[in-house]
Amino acid sequence: MLKWTRANLDVTGVGNIGTSNTEYQELLTALDLYVVSSKADPDDPGLVPILRQVRGRADQQLTRHPAEERNAAVTRVRDDAHAETGRVLLAAVHRADRAMTSDPSFQHADAVLLTADAYLREFATTTDAAAVVAIRDQIMHHKMTHAMLLNDASTEECNLVADKWYYNKPRPAVPADINCGLCTTAAVITAVTGDFVTTADVVRKIHPAPQLAEPAKKGLAGRDYATVYQHPESFVSFGRNLQGGDSMADLSKTAAVNAKAAEGIKSAAQQFGVTAQGPQSPQLSFAEAAQAMLQPTYDGCVFAVLVVSAGHWNFARRTPDGLVFVDYQTDRRDKQGPQIGTTPQMGVKATAAERDLGSKQNVTFLAFSR
């Protein structure tokens, strides 16, 4: 637990506390909240947002009032809160791992991977990071060998038989790299129903007996159509010649595909008994959309969130710390599990900095519940 609380920070502070600045008072308030919240369970992951609040208030104090003599103590508070954040996140990884050991399930495996990602995003250079990576890799191996991959799309490059305008720089595409809408749909259904639903399950539901053209049948080469035909147009039809690439050639066509995907996500979820709450939101700035998703209207909901400029879907849920965005495209054999953040993610990118699409985005969202 934190050594530095209001009591000893007041003692070490210099000057009249009664006339101290707003930032310092907010720091003391955050420390008070931490003391109260940590009494029941000092390893509670819910302490992390409070510890981050302590660090934020300390940074404000140090930035806005650099000459104050109490800042040596404030610096120690900030550093201690950072270290305590790492300790709590590490405890959360081990707690989730114990739950997975006692009751192996997709939900428990998911909890391990999400807590491991949260730790490694901020504490990847610590001495404990190697142990967290080992736990993460062990869980991914278990998921691969026990049919627990939510994204079970093919990871082999193939020509998906569709017209070539959709992507530029034509090359064979990896289905698992371009199925973000399907991953989000599977995540929404799994989260709302509690049943484990994969991307292939979604494809089979919307195309139970597809009429594939002869070139498409040859391209399957004995593979399961539901794991191969996972791309933005899976919600509409098969039989096109989709080519992979780094960017989309025609934004107007991209917008049309996004609109079809939104309708497809709602329709597929409905087939699993999951209802969209209200219409799709209009295109909003990230800040406006986040504020809307946190309103009482959406209590109990999870979300499919489209980053419009990237044409990329994320699963999102509300937490005590606000919204968490998850990209499940990385829940696959050649990756390390789902990637999370407080802003939308593109998990197939190499580093955390590249994965964060950030808050300077226009997004739209769909809300779902029973």
Protein backbone atom coordinates (compact mmCIF):
# COMPACT_ATOMS: atom_id res chain seq x y z
CA MET A 1 0.00 0.00 0.00
CA LEU A 2 1.00 3.64 -0.38
CA LYS A 3 3.26 4.92 2.39
CA TRP A 4 2.42 8.53 1.61
CA THR A 5 -1.06 9.50 2.76
CA ARG A 6 -2.67 12.81 3.70
CA ALA A 7 -1.38 12.58 7.27
CA ASN A 8 2.33 12.28 6.56
CA LEU A 9 2.16 14.44 3.42
CA ASP A 10 0.63 17.26 5.46
CA VAL A 11 3.42 16.89 8.01
CA THR A 12 6.16 17.00 5.38
CA GLY A 13 4.49 19.78 3.40
CA VAL A 14 5.68 23.31 3.92
CA GLY A 15 3.45 26.33 4.39
CA ASN A 16 -0.10 26.92 5.50
CA ILE A 17 -2.21 23.97 4.33
CA GLY A 18 -5.33 26.06 4.69
CA THR A 19 -4.22 28.40 1.92
CA SER A 20 -2.57 25.78 -0.32
CA ASN A 21 -3.34 25.60 -4.03
CA THR A 22 -6.15 23.68 -5.71
CA GLU A 23 -3.88 21.02 -7.24
CA TYR A 24 -2.42 20.15 -3.84
CA GLN A 25 -5.87 19.92 -2.27
CA GLU A 26 -7.02 17.64 -5.11
CA LEU A 27 -3.97 15.45 -4.48
CA LEU A 28 -4.94 15.14 -0.82
CA THR A 29 -8.51 14.27 -1.83
CA ALA A 30 -7.25 11.53 -4.16
CA LEU A 31 -5.05 10.16 -1.39
CA ASP A 32 -8.03 10.09 0.98
CA LEU A 33 -10.02 8.13 -1.61
CA TYR A 34 -7.19 5.64 -1.99
CA VAL A 35 -6.93 5.10 1.78
CA VAL A 36 -10.66 4.39 2.08
CA SER A 37 -10.83 2.20 -1.05
CA SER A 38 -7.77 0.10 -0.26
CA LYS A 39 -8.87 -0.97 3.22
CA ALA A 40 -11.10 -3.82 2.06
CA ASP A 41 -8.71 -5.23 -0.57
CA PRO A 42 -5.30 -3.64 -1.22
CA ASP A 43 -4.98 -5.76 -4.39
CA ASP A 44 -8.29 -4.66 -5.91
CA PRO A 45 -7.75 -3.72 -9.61
CA GLY A 46 -10.30 -0.95 -9.03
CA LEU A 47 -7.55 0.89 -7.15
CA VAL A 48 -5.62 1.44 -10.38
CA PRO A 49 -7.73 4.40 -11.62
CA ILE A 50 -7.48 5.96 -8.15
CA LEU A 51 -3.70 5.55 -8.15
CA ARG A 52 -3.56 7.10 -11.60
CA GLN A 53 -5.61 9.99 -10.26
CA VAL A 54 -3.05 10.43 -7.46
CA ARG A 55 -0.25 10.47 -10.03
CA GLY A 56 -2.12 12.93 -12.22
CA ARG A 57 -2.80 15.32 -9.37
CA ALA A 58 0.83 15.09 -8.24
CA ASP A 59 2.03 15.87 -11.76
CA GLN A 60 -0.29 18.89 -11.90
CA GLN A 61 1.11 20.15 -8.60
CA LEU A 62 4.70 19.71 -9.78
CA THR A 63 4.03 21.34 -13.16
CA ARG A 64 1.94 24.30 -12.05
CA HIS A 65 3.75 25.09 -8.80
CA PRO A 66 7.39 24.05 -9.44
CA ALA A 67 8.87 26.32 -6.73
CA GLU A 68 6.91 24.98 -3.77
CA GLU A 69 9.04 23.43 -1.04
CA ARG A 70 6.55 20.59 -0.47
CA ASN A 71 7.27 19.25 -3.97
CA ALA A 72 9.99 16.85 -2.80
CA ALA A 73 7.30 15.03 -0.82
CA VAL A 74 4.83 15.28 -3.72
CA THR A 75 7.43 13.71 -6.02
CA ARG A 76 7.77 10.77 -3.64
CA VAL A 77 3.97 10.39 -3.60
CA ARG A 78 3.87 10.33 -7.39
CA ASP A 79 6.66 7.76 -7.66
CA ASP A 80 5.14 5.62 -4.92
CA ALA A 81 1.74 5.70 -6.67
CA HIS A 82 3.40 4.60 -9.92
CA ALA A 83 5.09 1.67 -8.19
CA GLU A 84 1.86 0.74 -6.41
CA THR A 85 0.02 0.79 -9.76
CA GLY A 86 2.45 -1.82 -11.04
CA ARG A 87 2.08 -3.94 -7.93
CA VAL A 88 -1.72 -3.93 -8.13
CA LEU A 89 -1.71 -4.74 -11.85
CA LEU A 90 0.74 -7.59 -11.22
CA ALA A 91 -1.47 -8.90 -8.42
CA ALA A 92 -4.42 -8.78 -10.83
CA VAL A 93 -2.52 -10.92 -13.35
CA HIS A 94 -1.74 -13.56 -10.71
CA ARG A 95 -5.30 -13.46 -9.36
CA ALA A 96 -6.73 -14.00 -12.84
CA ASP A 97 -4.22 -16.79 -13.49
CA ARG A 98 -5.29 -18.59 -10.29
CA ALA A 99 -8.93 -18.33 -11.36
CA MET A 100 -8.02 -19.79 -14.75
CA THR A 101 -6.15 -22.66 -13.08
CA SER A 102 -9.12 -23.55 -10.87
CA ASP A 103 -11.73 -23.12 -13.62
CA PRO A 104 -10.38 -23.10 -17.19
CA SER A 105 -12.78 -21.15 -19.39
CA PHE A 106 -12.71 -18.53 -22.12
CA GLN A 107 -13.81 -15.85 -19.67
CA HIS A 108 -11.00 -16.64 -17.21
CA ALA A 109 -8.43 -16.94 -20.00
CA ASP A 110 -9.61 -13.60 -21.37
CA ALA A 111 -9.21 -12.02 -17.93
CA VAL A 112 -5.60 -13.21 -17.73
CA LEU A 113 -4.74 -11.85 -21.18
CA LEU A 114 -6.40 -8.50 -20.60
CA THR A 115 -4.72 -7.97 -17.22
CA ALA A 116 -1.38 -9.09 -18.65
CA ASP A 117 -1.73 -6.61 -21.51
CA ALA A 118 -2.61 -3.84 -19.04
CA TYR A 119 0.54 -4.59 -17.04
CA LEU A 120 2.87 -4.93 -20.02
CA ARG A 121 1.69 -1.72 -21.67
CA GLU A 122 3.04 0.28 -18.73
CA PHE A 123 5.60 -1.96 -17.02
CA ALA A 124 7.20 -3.95 -19.83
CA THR A 125 10.75 -3.18 -18.65
CA THR A 126 10.36 -4.33 -15.03
CA THR A 127 11.89 -7.47 -13.57
CA ASP A 128 8.40 -8.99 -13.27
CA ALA A 129 7.57 -8.47 -16.94
CA ALA A 130 9.17 -11.75 -18.04
CA ALA A 131 6.94 -13.70 -15.64
CA VAL A 132 3.87 -11.90 -16.99
CA VAL A 133 4.90 -12.70 -20.57
CA ALA A 134 5.34 -16.36 -19.59
CA ILE A 135 1.84 -16.44 -18.07
CA ARG A 136 0.39 -14.75 -21.15
CA ASP A 137 2.11 -17.18 -23.53
CA GLN A 138 0.97 -20.17 -21.48
CA ILE A 139 -2.63 -18.97 -21.62
CA MET A 140 -2.43 -18.41 -25.38
CA HIS A 141 -1.08 -21.95 -25.82
CA HIS A 142 -3.97 -23.28 -23.71
CA LYS A 143 -6.47 -21.34 -25.82
CA MET A 144 -4.95 -22.68 -29.04
CA THR A 145 -5.06 -26.29 -27.86
CA HIS A 146 -8.50 -26.13 -26.21
CA ALA A 147 -10.57 -24.34 -28.89
CA MET A 148 -10.74 -21.07 -26.94
CA LEU A 149 -9.67 -18.61 -29.65
CA LEU A 150 -12.44 -16.09 -30.20
CA ASN A 151 -10.85 -15.14 -33.52
CA ASP A 152 -10.55 -18.51 -35.22
CA ALA A 153 -10.11 -17.13 -38.74
CA SER A 154 -7.51 -18.64 -41.00
CA THR A 155 -4.02 -17.17 -40.58
CA GLU A 156 -2.87 -18.33 -44.03
CA GLU A 157 -2.75 -15.89 -46.92
CA CYS A 158 -5.32 -16.63 -49.59
CA ASN A 159 -7.20 -14.99 -52.45
CA LEU A 160 -10.73 -14.48 -51.18
CA VAL A 161 -12.37 -14.20 -54.64
CA ALA A 162 -13.81 -10.64 -54.74
CA ASP A 163 -13.51 -7.51 -56.88
CA LYS A 164 -10.21 -5.72 -56.58
CA TRP A 165 -11.39 -2.19 -55.81
CA TYR A 166 -11.90 -2.73 -52.11
CA TYR A 167 -8.20 -2.55 -51.21
CA ASN A 168 -5.35 -1.09 -53.21
CA LYS A 169 -1.87 -2.66 -53.43
CA PRO A 170 -3.37 -6.05 -54.31
CA ARG A 171 -1.94 -9.13 -52.61
CA PRO A 172 -3.44 -12.27 -51.10
CA ALA A 173 -5.17 -11.44 -47.80
CA VAL A 174 -5.02 -13.07 -44.36
CA PRO A 175 -8.64 -13.46 -43.20
CA ALA A 176 -7.71 -12.95 -39.55
CA ASP A 177 -6.13 -9.59 -40.43
CA ILE A 178 -9.25 -8.04 -41.98
CA ASN A 179 -12.16 -9.41 -39.93
CA CYS A 180 -12.41 -6.75 -37.21
CA GLY A 181 -16.20 -6.48 -37.60
CA LEU A 182 -16.61 -10.23 -37.11
CA CYS A 183 -14.28 -10.22 -34.08
CA THR A 184 -16.27 -7.41 -32.53
CA THR A 185 -19.55 -9.23 -33.22
CA ALA A 186 -18.28 -12.43 -31.60
CA ALA A 187 -17.02 -10.44 -28.59
CA VAL A 188 -20.37 -8.65 -28.18
CA ILE A 189 -22.34 -11.91 -28.30
CA THR A 190 -19.95 -13.68 -25.92
CA ALA A 191 -20.01 -10.78 -23.45
CA VAL A 192 -23.79 -10.40 -23.43
CA THR A 193 -24.82 -14.09 -23.45
CA GLY A 194 -21.94 -15.62 -21.47
CA ASP A 195 -21.68 -18.29 -24.20
CA PHE A 196 -18.41 -18.61 -26.10
CA VAL A 197 -19.04 -17.56 -29.72
CA THR A 198 -16.22 -17.42 -32.26
CA THR A 199 -15.87 -15.51 -35.50
CA ALA A 200 -16.49 -18.75 -37.43
CA ASP A 201 -19.68 -19.31 -35.41
CA VAL A 202 -20.89 -15.90 -36.61
CA VAL A 203 -20.07 -16.72 -40.26
CA ARG A 204 -21.90 -20.05 -40.02
CA LYS A 205 -24.93 -18.34 -38.53
CA ILE A 206 -25.24 -15.72 -41.28
CA HIS A 207 -24.21 -18.14 -44.10
CA PRO A 208 -25.37 -21.60 -42.97
CA ALA A 209 -25.23 -23.09 -46.48
CA PRO A 210 -23.30 -20.74 -48.76
CA GLN A 211 -23.41 -21.23 -52.52
CA LEU A 212 -19.73 -20.84 -53.35
CA ALA A 213 -18.47 -20.31 -56.88
CA GLU A 214 -16.11 -22.93 -58.28
CA PRO A 215 -13.01 -20.70 -57.90
CA ALA A 216 -13.93 -20.16 -54.27
CA LYS A 217 -14.32 -23.88 -53.66
CA LYS A 218 -10.89 -24.51 -55.15
CA GLY A 219 -9.43 -21.79 -52.94
CA LEU A 220 -10.71 -23.55 -49.83
CA ALA A 221 -8.64 -26.66 -50.52
CA GLY A 222 -10.41 -28.67 -47.86
CA ARG A 223 -10.48 -25.88 -45.26
CA ASP A 224 -13.56 -24.79 -43.34
CA TYR A 225 -15.29 -22.02 -45.28
CA ALA A 226 -16.28 -20.27 -42.03
CA THR A 227 -12.65 -19.78 -41.00
CA VAL A 228 -11.50 -18.65 -44.47
CA TYR A 229 -14.28 -16.29 -45.59
CA GLN A 230 -13.88 -13.69 -42.84
CA HIS A 231 -13.66 -10.20 -44.31
CA PRO A 232 -15.71 -6.97 -44.33
CA GLU A 233 -18.19 -8.33 -46.87
CA SER A 234 -18.90 -11.56 -45.00
CA PHE A 235 -21.95 -9.82 -43.55
CA VAL A 236 -23.36 -9.36 -47.05
CA SER A 237 -22.28 -12.14 -49.42
CA PHE A 238 -19.55 -14.48 -50.53
CA GLY A 239 -18.23 -14.92 -54.07
CA ARG A 240 -16.14 -11.78 -54.45
CA ASN A 241 -12.44 -11.47 -55.03
CA LEU A 242 -11.17 -9.56 -52.00
CA GLN A 243 -7.55 -8.44 -52.19
CA GLY A 244 -5.51 -7.38 -49.17
CA GLY A 245 -3.53 -4.15 -48.82
CA ASP A 246 -2.41 -1.36 -46.54
CA SER A 247 -5.04 1.27 -47.34
CA MET A 248 -8.41 1.54 -49.00
CA ALA A 249 -8.54 2.96 -52.49
CA ASP A 250 -11.93 4.65 -52.44
CA LEU A 251 -13.32 6.24 -49.28
CA SER A 252 -16.86 6.35 -50.63
CA LYS A 253 -16.79 2.59 -51.09
CA THR A 254 -15.17 2.20 -47.66
CA ALA A 255 -18.08 4.12 -46.15
CA ALA A 256 -20.55 1.85 -47.93
CA VAL A 257 -18.81 -1.26 -46.57
CA ASN A 258 -18.79 0.27 -43.06
CA ALA A 259 -22.54 0.86 -43.30
CA LYS A 260 -23.13 -2.72 -44.42
CA ALA A 261 -20.94 -4.00 -41.61
CA ALA A 262 -22.91 -2.02 -39.01
CA GLU A 263 -26.16 -3.54 -40.24
CA GLY A 264 -24.51 -6.95 -40.42
CA ILE A 265 -23.25 -6.76 -36.84
CA LYS A 266 -26.74 -5.90 -35.58
CA SER A 267 -28.36 -8.64 -37.66
CA ALA A 268 -25.85 -11.31 -36.62
CA ALA A 269 -26.10 -10.40 -32.94
CA GLN A 270 -29.89 -10.59 -33.15
CA GLN A 271 -29.63 -14.16 -34.45
CA PHE A 272 -27.85 -15.04 -31.19
CA GLY A 273 -30.51 -13.29 -29.09
CA VAL A 274 -28.53 -10.08 -28.54
CA THR A 275 -30.42 -6.87 -29.20
CA ALA A 276 -29.09 -3.55 -30.44
CA GLN A 277 -30.27 -0.77 -28.13
CA GLY A 278 -31.41 2.08 -30.31
CA PRO A 279 -30.07 3.03 -33.73
CA GLN A 280 -26.42 3.41 -34.60
CA SER A 281 -24.99 6.63 -33.19
CA PRO A 282 -24.16 9.43 -35.61
CA GLN A 283 -20.51 10.08 -36.37
CA LEU A 284 -19.12 11.86 -33.30
CA SER A 285 -15.79 13.02 -31.99
CA PHE A 286 -14.25 10.47 -29.65
CA ALA A 287 -14.94 12.67 -26.61
CA GLU A 288 -18.62 13.07 -27.55
CA ALA A 289 -19.06 9.36 -28.24
CA ALA A 290 -17.36 8.35 -24.99
CA GLN A 291 -19.59 10.72 -23.04
CA ALA A 292 -22.68 9.29 -24.77
CA MET A 293 -21.71 5.67 -24.03
CA LEU A 294 -21.34 6.48 -20.33
CA GLN A 295 -24.88 7.86 -20.03
CA PRO A 296 -27.57 5.96 -18.03
CA THR A 297 -29.30 5.14 -21.33
CA TYR A 298 -26.63 2.50 -21.91
CA ASP A 299 -26.41 0.98 -18.43
CA GLY A 300 -25.66 -2.72 -18.80
CA CYS A 301 -24.65 -2.41 -22.46
CA VAL A 302 -21.53 -3.36 -24.36
CA PHE A 303 -20.54 -1.64 -27.60
CA ALA A 304 -19.29 -2.15 -31.12
CA VAL A 305 -17.30 1.01 -31.93
CA LEU A 306 -16.21 1.97 -35.44
CA VAL A 307 -13.23 4.29 -35.91
CA VAL A 308 -14.50 5.87 -39.10
CA SER A 309 -11.23 6.98 -40.68
CA ALA A 310 -9.58 3.61 -40.13
CA GLY A 311 -12.66 1.57 -41.04
CA HIS A 312 -11.84 -0.45 -37.91
CA TRP A 313 -14.17 -1.97 -35.29
CA ASN A 314 -13.50 -2.45 -31.58
CA PHE A 315 -15.44 -4.08 -28.79
CA ALA A 316 -15.94 -1.72 -25.82
CA ARG A 317 -17.33 -2.02 -22.31
CA ARG A 318 -17.89 0.31 -19.39
CA THR A 319 -15.71 -0.03 -16.29
CA PRO A 320 -15.36 1.97 -13.05
CA ASP A 321 -12.49 3.77 -14.80
CA GLY A 322 -14.58 4.72 -17.83
CA LEU A 323 -14.48 2.86 -21.16
CA VAL A 324 -12.16 0.05 -22.15
CA PHE A 325 -11.67 -0.77 -25.83
CA VAL A 326 -10.62 -4.25 -26.91
CA ASP A 327 -9.39 -5.46 -30.28
CA TYR A 328 -9.98 -9.21 -30.57
CA GLN A 329 -8.27 -9.63 -33.95
CA THR A 330 -5.15 -10.52 -31.98
CA ASP A 331 -6.89 -13.39 -30.18
CA ARG A 332 -5.39 -15.83 -32.66
CA ARG A 333 -2.57 -18.34 -33.09
CA ASP A 334 0.17 -15.96 -34.21
CA LYS A 335 -0.56 -13.15 -31.72
CA GLN A 336 -0.59 -12.66 -27.96
CA GLY A 337 -4.26 -12.27 -27.20
CA PRO A 338 -6.66 -9.31 -27.19
CA GLN A 339 -5.23 -5.79 -26.94
CA ILE A 340 -6.87 -3.21 -24.68
CA GLY A 341 -6.73 0.51 -24.06
CA THR A 342 -8.74 3.52 -22.98
CA THR A 343 -8.97 4.57 -26.63
CA PRO A 344 -9.72 2.37 -29.67
CA GLN A 345 -7.06 -0.15 -30.60
CA MET A 346 -5.68 -1.68 -33.79
CA GLY A 347 -4.19 -4.76 -32.20
CA VAL A 348 -2.42 -6.11 -35.28
CA LYS A 349 0.11 -3.25 -35.07
CA ALA A 350 3.52 -4.11 -33.64
CA THR A 351 3.82 -1.81 -30.61
CA ALA A 352 1.48 -0.32 -28.02
CA ALA A 353 2.17 3.17 -29.41
CA GLU A 354 1.11 2.04 -32.90
CA ARG A 355 -1.91 0.14 -31.58
CA ASP A 356 -3.46 3.16 -29.86
CA LEU A 357 -5.64 4.91 -32.43
CA GLY A 358 -6.00 7.69 -29.87
CA SER A 359 -8.77 10.12 -28.97
CA LYS A 360 -8.42 12.40 -32.05
CA GLN A 361 -10.81 10.22 -34.03
CA ASN A 362 -14.38 10.38 -35.22
CA VAL A 363 -16.26 7.27 -34.16
CA THR A 364 -19.73 5.80 -34.23
CA PHE A 365 -21.07 3.00 -32.05
CA LEU A 366 -23.72 0.33 -31.60
CA ALA A 367 -24.94 -0.61 -28.11
CA PHE A 368 -26.05 -4.14 -27.21
CA SER A 369 -27.69 -5.98 -24.34
CA ARG A 370 -30.19 -8.80 -23.80
